Amino acid sequence: MMIYIYNDYGGTHTTSLAAAYHLKQLPPSERKLTKEEILNVKYFNKLTHDDFGKLIFHGKDENGDSVYTIGRKRNKLVVPAMRELILLLQEKHRFNEKIIFSNTSPTVPLSMSIGGFFSRGLKINSIGVPFLVKGAQQCCDNVFRLVQNTKEMGKTSFNENVIIMENELFK
């Protein structure tokens, strides 16, 4: 069994889209997502400041693997610290699930950053949500490909128990 953890700054936009694609709750990327599809994604633009640093469970995929997201803010040490804790648990307590951290930040377009600032930061949804929808439509193909790449890494990396994917090629 595996655990997938999609992570980025806020943990509520591209990570929620990634989890939804991973769990096949969104159609494959042949077309742009509609406003309704985007706004109906579980946790999309719904998490608050209190949710930062929390692992949010989204469900189990077709293989029975768990899918989570986490918002790490600007703290680049969250994922490495979690990796070290997992390695400790694996060594000391025979915890043997493979874990993949996949960074969705490289897929975030400027319009989504602007939308997140207005909607989550300033609580002005009337300005932020249209930017978020436009941003999600701009990046949905990249997020879909990132998820496919992450799932492929899960199938092929047998010798590592904890994998951190920065996904820089999706910029």
C-alpha atoms as a PDB file:
ATOM      1  CA  MET A   1       0.000   0.000   0.000  1.00  0.00           C
ATOM      2  CA  MET A   2       1.006   3.590  -0.618  1.00  0.00           C
ATOM      3  CA  ILE A   3       0.164   7.011   0.689  1.00  0.00           C
ATOM      4  CA  TYR A   4       0.156   9.974  -1.683  1.00  0.00           C
ATOM      5  CA  ILE A   5       0.486  13.456  -0.194  1.00  0.00           C
ATOM      6  CA  TYR A   6       0.035  16.414  -2.552  1.00  0.00           C
ATOM      7  CA  ASN A   7       1.469  19.594  -1.056  1.00  0.00           C
ATOM      8  CA  ASP A   8       1.824  23.287  -1.800  1.00  0.00           C
ATOM      9  CA  TYR A   9       1.606  26.684  -0.138  1.00  0.00           C
ATOM     10  CA  GLY A  10      -2.096  26.769   0.776  1.00  0.00           C
ATOM     11  CA  GLY A  11      -3.208  23.180   0.311  1.00  0.00           C
ATOM     12  CA  THR A  12      -6.614  24.146  -1.037  1.00  0.00           C
ATOM     13  CA  HIS A  13      -6.341  24.829  -4.788  1.00  0.00           C
ATOM     14  CA  THR A  14      -3.914  22.806  -6.927  1.00  0.00           C
ATOM     15  CA  THR A  15      -3.595  20.164  -4.217  1.00  0.00           C
ATOM     16  CA  SER A  16      -7.380  19.707  -4.116  1.00  0.00           C
ATOM     17  CA  LEU A  17      -7.455  19.475  -7.916  1.00  0.00           C
ATOM     18  CA  ALA A  18      -4.622  16.928  -7.824  1.00  0.00           C
ATOM     19  CA  ALA A  19      -6.432  14.807  -5.239  1.00  0.00           C
ATOM     20  CA  ALA A  20      -9.631  14.954  -7.297  1.00  0.00           C
ATOM     21  CA  TYR A  21      -7.786  13.899 -10.468  1.00  0.00           C
ATOM     22  CA  HIS A  22      -5.976  11.159  -8.570  1.00  0.00           C
ATOM     23  CA  LEU A  23      -9.272   9.806  -7.242  1.00  0.00           C
ATOM     24  CA  LYS A  24     -10.932  10.115 -10.686  1.00  0.00           C
ATOM     25  CA  GLN A  25     -13.453  12.647  -9.407  1.00  0.00           C
ATOM     26  CA  LEU A  26     -12.619  14.914 -12.357  1.00  0.00           C
ATOM     27  CA  PRO A  27     -12.586  13.995 -16.047  1.00  0.00           C
ATOM     28  CA  PRO A  28      -9.210  13.439 -17.723  1.00  0.00           C
ATOM     29  CA  SER A  29      -7.540  16.541 -19.141  1.00  0.00           C
ATOM     30  CA  GLU A  30      -8.729  16.448 -22.740  1.00  0.00           C
ATOM     31  CA  ARG A  31     -10.692  19.609 -22.040  1.00  0.00           C
ATOM     32  CA  LYS A  32     -10.665  22.562 -19.680  1.00  0.00           C
ATOM     33  CA  LEU A  33     -12.647  22.125 -16.488  1.00  0.00           C
ATOM     34  CA  THR A  34     -15.877  24.068 -16.133  1.00  0.00           C
ATOM     35  CA  LYS A  35     -16.441  26.596 -13.363  1.00  0.00           C
ATOM     36  CA  GLU A  36     -18.920  24.203 -11.739  1.00  0.00           C
ATOM     37  CA  GLU A  37     -16.494  21.266 -11.833  1.00  0.00           C
ATOM     38  CA  ILE A  38     -13.776  23.376 -10.242  1.00  0.00           C
ATOM     39  CA  LEU A  39     -15.957  24.848  -7.509  1.00  0.00           C
ATOM     40  CA  ASN A  40     -17.397  21.408  -6.681  1.00  0.00           C
ATOM     41  CA  VAL A  41     -13.979  19.881  -5.972  1.00  0.00           C
ATOM     42  CA  LYS A  42     -13.860  18.891  -2.322  1.00  0.00           C
ATOM     43  CA  TYR A  43     -11.842  21.411  -0.281  1.00  0.00           C
ATOM     44  CA  PHE A  44     -11.177  23.684  -3.285  1.00  0.00           C
ATOM     45  CA  ASN A  45     -10.921  27.192  -1.798  1.00  0.00           C
ATOM     46  CA  LYS A  46     -12.493  25.975   1.444  1.00  0.00           C
ATOM     47  CA  LEU A  47      -9.558  25.509   3.808  1.00  0.00           C
ATOM     48  CA  THR A  48      -8.624  28.208   6.293  1.00  0.00           C
ATOM     49  CA  HIS A  49      -5.559  29.369   8.182  1.00  0.00           C
ATOM     50  CA  ASP A  50      -6.299  26.766  10.866  1.00  0.00           C
ATOM     51  CA  ASP A  51      -5.892  23.983   8.290  1.00  0.00           C
ATOM     52  CA  PHE A  52      -2.254  24.779   7.431  1.00  0.00           C
ATOM     53  CA  GLY A  53       0.027  21.933   8.383  1.00  0.00           C
ATOM     54  CA  LYS A  54      -2.808  19.412   8.691  1.00  0.00           C
ATOM     55  CA  LEU A  55      -2.971  16.292   6.576  1.00  0.00           C
ATOM     56  CA  ILE A  56      -6.363  16.321   4.834  1.00  0.00           C
ATOM     57  CA  PHE A  57      -7.640  12.894   3.746  1.00  0.00           C
ATOM     58  CA  HIS A  58      -9.378  12.891   0.357  1.00  0.00           C
ATOM     59  CA  GLY A  59     -10.029   9.187  -0.131  1.00  0.00           C
ATOM     60  CA  LYS A  60      -8.640   5.933  -1.448  1.00  0.00           C
ATOM     61  CA  ASP A  61      -7.805   5.421  -5.107  1.00  0.00           C
ATOM     62  CA  GLU A  62      -8.600   2.448  -7.336  1.00  0.00           C
ATOM     63  CA  ASN A  63      -5.645   0.538  -5.829  1.00  0.00           C
ATOM     64  CA  GLY A  64      -6.691   1.190  -2.243  1.00  0.00           C
ATOM     65  CA  ASP A  65      -3.927   3.767  -1.765  1.00  0.00           C
ATOM     66  CA  SER A  66      -4.686   6.773   0.457  1.00  0.00           C
ATOM     67  CA  VAL A  67      -4.615  10.309  -0.945  1.00  0.00           C
ATOM     68  CA  TYR A  68      -3.921  13.317   1.280  1.00  0.00           C
ATOM     69  CA  THR A  69      -3.084  16.984   0.856  1.00  0.00           C
ATOM     70  CA  ILE A  70      -1.255  19.443   3.073  1.00  0.00           C
ATOM     71  CA  GLY A  71      -0.704  23.192   2.975  1.00  0.00           C
ATOM     72  CA  ARG A  72       2.808  23.983   4.162  1.00  0.00           C
ATOM     73  CA  LYS A  73       2.809  27.778   3.729  1.00  0.00           C
ATOM     74  CA  ARG A  74       6.297  29.103   2.973  1.00  0.00           C
ATOM     75  CA  ASN A  75       7.915  26.523   5.200  1.00  0.00           C
ATOM     76  CA  LYS A  76      10.026  24.310   2.959  1.00  0.00           C
ATOM     77  CA  LEU A  77      11.001  22.222   6.003  1.00  0.00           C
ATOM     78  CA  VAL A  78       7.565  20.638   6.506  1.00  0.00           C
ATOM     79  CA  VAL A  79       8.005  17.879   3.931  1.00  0.00           C
ATOM     80  CA  PRO A  80      11.622  16.999   4.870  1.00  0.00           C
ATOM     81  CA  ALA A  81      10.605  16.900   8.549  1.00  0.00           C
ATOM     82  CA  MET A  82       7.684  14.608   7.729  1.00  0.00           C
ATOM     83  CA  ARG A  83      10.051  12.430   5.699  1.00  0.00           C
ATOM     84  CA  GLU A  84      12.392  12.065   8.677  1.00  0.00           C
ATOM     85  CA  LEU A  85       9.499  11.182  10.992  1.00  0.00           C
ATOM     86  CA  ILE A  86       8.238   8.559   8.541  1.00  0.00           C
ATOM     87  CA  LEU A  87      11.706   7.021   8.200  1.00  0.00           C
ATOM     88  CA  LEU A  88      11.926   6.860  11.996  1.00  0.00           C
ATOM     89  CA  LEU A  89       8.523   5.150  12.224  1.00  0.00           C
ATOM     90  CA  GLN A  90       9.526   2.713   9.495  1.00  0.00           C
ATOM     91  CA  GLU A  91      12.752   1.838  11.265  1.00  0.00           C
ATOM     92  CA  LYS A  92      11.476   1.648  14.841  1.00  0.00           C
ATOM     93  CA  HIS A  93       7.929   0.372  14.390  1.00  0.00           C
ATOM     94  CA  ARG A  94       7.987  -1.592  11.138  1.00  0.00           C
ATOM     95  CA  PHE A  95       5.698   0.926   9.489  1.00  0.00           C
ATOM     96  CA  ASN A  96       6.210  -0.086   5.882  1.00  0.00           C
ATOM     97  CA  GLU A  97       3.866   1.884   3.676  1.00  0.00           C
ATOM     98  CA  LYS A  98       5.512   3.707   0.817  1.00  0.00           C
ATOM     99  CA  ILE A  99       4.843   7.458   0.866  1.00  0.00           C
ATOM    100  CA  ILE A 100       5.086   9.904  -2.002  1.00  0.00           C
ATOM    101  CA  PHE A 101       5.086  13.664  -1.445  1.00  0.00           C
ATOM    102  CA  SER A 102       4.225  15.480  -4.667  1.00  0.00           C
ATOM    103  CA  ASN A 103       4.627  19.268  -4.812  1.00  0.00           C
ATOM    104  CA  THR A 104       1.886  20.929  -6.882  1.00  0.00           C
ATOM    105  CA  SER A 105       3.344  24.453  -6.523  1.00  0.00           C
ATOM    106  CA  PRO A 106       5.038  24.446  -9.958  1.00  0.00           C
ATOM    107  CA  THR A 107       1.601  24.174 -11.619  1.00  0.00           C
ATOM    108  CA  VAL A 108       0.196  27.344  -9.982  1.00  0.00           C
ATOM    109  CA  PRO A 109      -0.373  30.180 -12.492  1.00  0.00           C
ATOM    110  CA  LEU A 110      -0.266  33.839 -11.467  1.00  0.00           C
ATOM    111  CA  SER A 111      -4.052  34.191 -11.724  1.00  0.00           C
ATOM    112  CA  MET A 112      -4.489  31.452  -9.104  1.00  0.00           C
ATOM    113  CA  SER A 113      -2.025  33.158  -6.750  1.00  0.00           C
ATOM    114  CA  ILE A 114      -3.941  36.427  -7.146  1.00  0.00           C
ATOM    115  CA  GLY A 115      -7.260  34.642  -6.602  1.00  0.00           C
ATOM    116  CA  GLY A 116      -5.967  32.859  -3.515  1.00  0.00           C
ATOM    117  CA  PHE A 117      -4.712  36.141  -2.072  1.00  0.00           C
ATOM    118  CA  PHE A 118      -8.079  37.857  -2.511  1.00  0.00           C
ATOM    119  CA  SER A 119     -10.244  34.886  -1.592  1.00  0.00           C
ATOM    120  CA  ARG A 120      -8.335  33.180   1.223  1.00  0.00           C
ATOM    121  CA  GLY A 121      -6.123  36.047   2.374  1.00  0.00           C
ATOM    122  CA  LEU A 122      -8.475  39.024   2.223  1.00  0.00           C
ATOM    123  CA  LYS A 123     -11.773  37.070   2.305  1.00  0.00           C
ATOM    124  CA  ILE A 124     -13.018  38.849  -0.837  1.00  0.00           C
ATOM    125  CA  ASN A 125     -14.507  35.942  -2.808  1.00  0.00           C
ATOM    126  CA  SER A 126     -16.209  38.198  -5.355  1.00  0.00           C
ATOM    127  CA  ILE A 127     -12.761  39.156  -6.673  1.00  0.00           C
ATOM    128  CA  GLY A 128     -10.790  36.023  -5.777  1.00  0.00           C
ATOM    129  CA  VAL A 129     -13.030  33.220  -7.045  1.00  0.00           C
ATOM    130  CA  PRO A 130     -13.089  34.341 -10.721  1.00  0.00           C
ATOM    131  CA  PHE A 131      -9.279  34.476 -10.658  1.00  0.00           C
ATOM    132  CA  LEU A 132      -9.164  31.026  -9.023  1.00  0.00           C
ATOM    133  CA  VAL A 133     -11.462  29.534 -11.655  1.00  0.00           C
ATOM    134  CA  LYS A 134      -9.414  31.084 -14.472  1.00  0.00           C
ATOM    135  CA  GLY A 135      -6.215  29.816 -12.839  1.00  0.00           C
ATOM    136  CA  ALA A 136      -7.620  26.320 -12.390  1.00  0.00           C
ATOM    137  CA  GLN A 137      -8.652  26.262 -16.043  1.00  0.00           C
ATOM    138  CA  GLN A 138      -5.153  27.402 -17.045  1.00  0.00           C
ATOM    139  CA  CYS A 139      -3.363  24.760 -15.004  1.00  0.00           C
ATOM    140  CA  CYS A 140      -5.744  21.770 -15.025  1.00  0.00           C
ATOM    141  CA  ASP A 141      -3.801  19.989 -17.768  1.00  0.00           C
ATOM    142  CA  ASN A 142      -0.517  20.424 -15.891  1.00  0.00           C
ATOM    143  CA  VAL A 143      -2.098  19.215 -12.651  1.00  0.00           C
ATOM    144  CA  PHE A 144      -3.524  16.176 -14.446  1.00  0.00           C
ATOM    145  CA  ARG A 145      -0.094  15.347 -15.937  1.00  0.00           C
ATOM    146  CA  LEU A 146       1.575  15.881 -12.546  1.00  0.00           C
ATOM    147  CA  VAL A 147      -0.845  13.371 -11.001  1.00  0.00           C
ATOM    148  CA  GLN A 148      -0.185  10.844 -13.774  1.00  0.00           C
ATOM    149  CA  ASN A 149       3.562  11.300 -13.230  1.00  0.00           C
ATOM    150  CA  THR A 150       3.149  10.915  -9.461  1.00  0.00           C
ATOM    151  CA  LYS A 151       1.137   7.706  -9.842  1.00  0.00           C
ATOM    152  CA  GLU A 152       3.728   6.363 -12.282  1.00  0.00           C
ATOM    153  CA  MET A 153       6.488   7.115  -9.773  1.00  0.00           C
ATOM    154  CA  GLY A 154       4.511   5.117  -7.227  1.00  0.00           C
ATOM    155  CA  LYS A 155       4.503   2.111  -9.536  1.00  0.00           C
ATOM    156  CA  THR A 156       8.171   2.250 -10.483  1.00  0.00           C
ATOM    157  CA  SER A 157      10.138   3.346  -7.403  1.00  0.00           C
ATOM    158  CA  PHE A 158      10.314   0.130  -5.416  1.00  0.00           C
ATOM    159  CA  ASN A 159      13.580   0.711  -3.574  1.00  0.00           C
ATOM    160  CA  GLU A 160      12.626   3.962  -1.812  1.00  0.00           C
ATOM    161  CA  ASN A 161      10.091   4.107   1.013  1.00  0.00           C
ATOM    162  CA  VAL A 162       9.687   7.888   1.018  1.00  0.00           C
ATOM    163  CA  ILE A 163       9.832   9.858  -2.224  1.00  0.00           C
ATOM    164  CA  ILE A 164       9.757  13.645  -2.488  1.00  0.00           C
ATOM    165  CA  MET A 165       8.786  14.928  -5.929  1.00  0.00           C
ATOM    166  CA  GLU A 166       9.401  18.649  -6.478  1.00  0.00           C
ATOM    167  CA  ASN A 167       7.895  18.508 -10.008  1.00  0.00           C
ATOM    168  CA  GLU A 168       9.910  21.444 -11.367  1.00  0.00           C
ATOM    169  CA  LEU A 169       9.277  20.334 -14.961  1.00  0.00           C
ATOM    170  CA  PHE A 170       5.629  21.383 -14.624  1.00  0.00           C
ATOM    171  CA  LYS A 171       6.463  25.128 -14.379  1.00  0.00           C
END
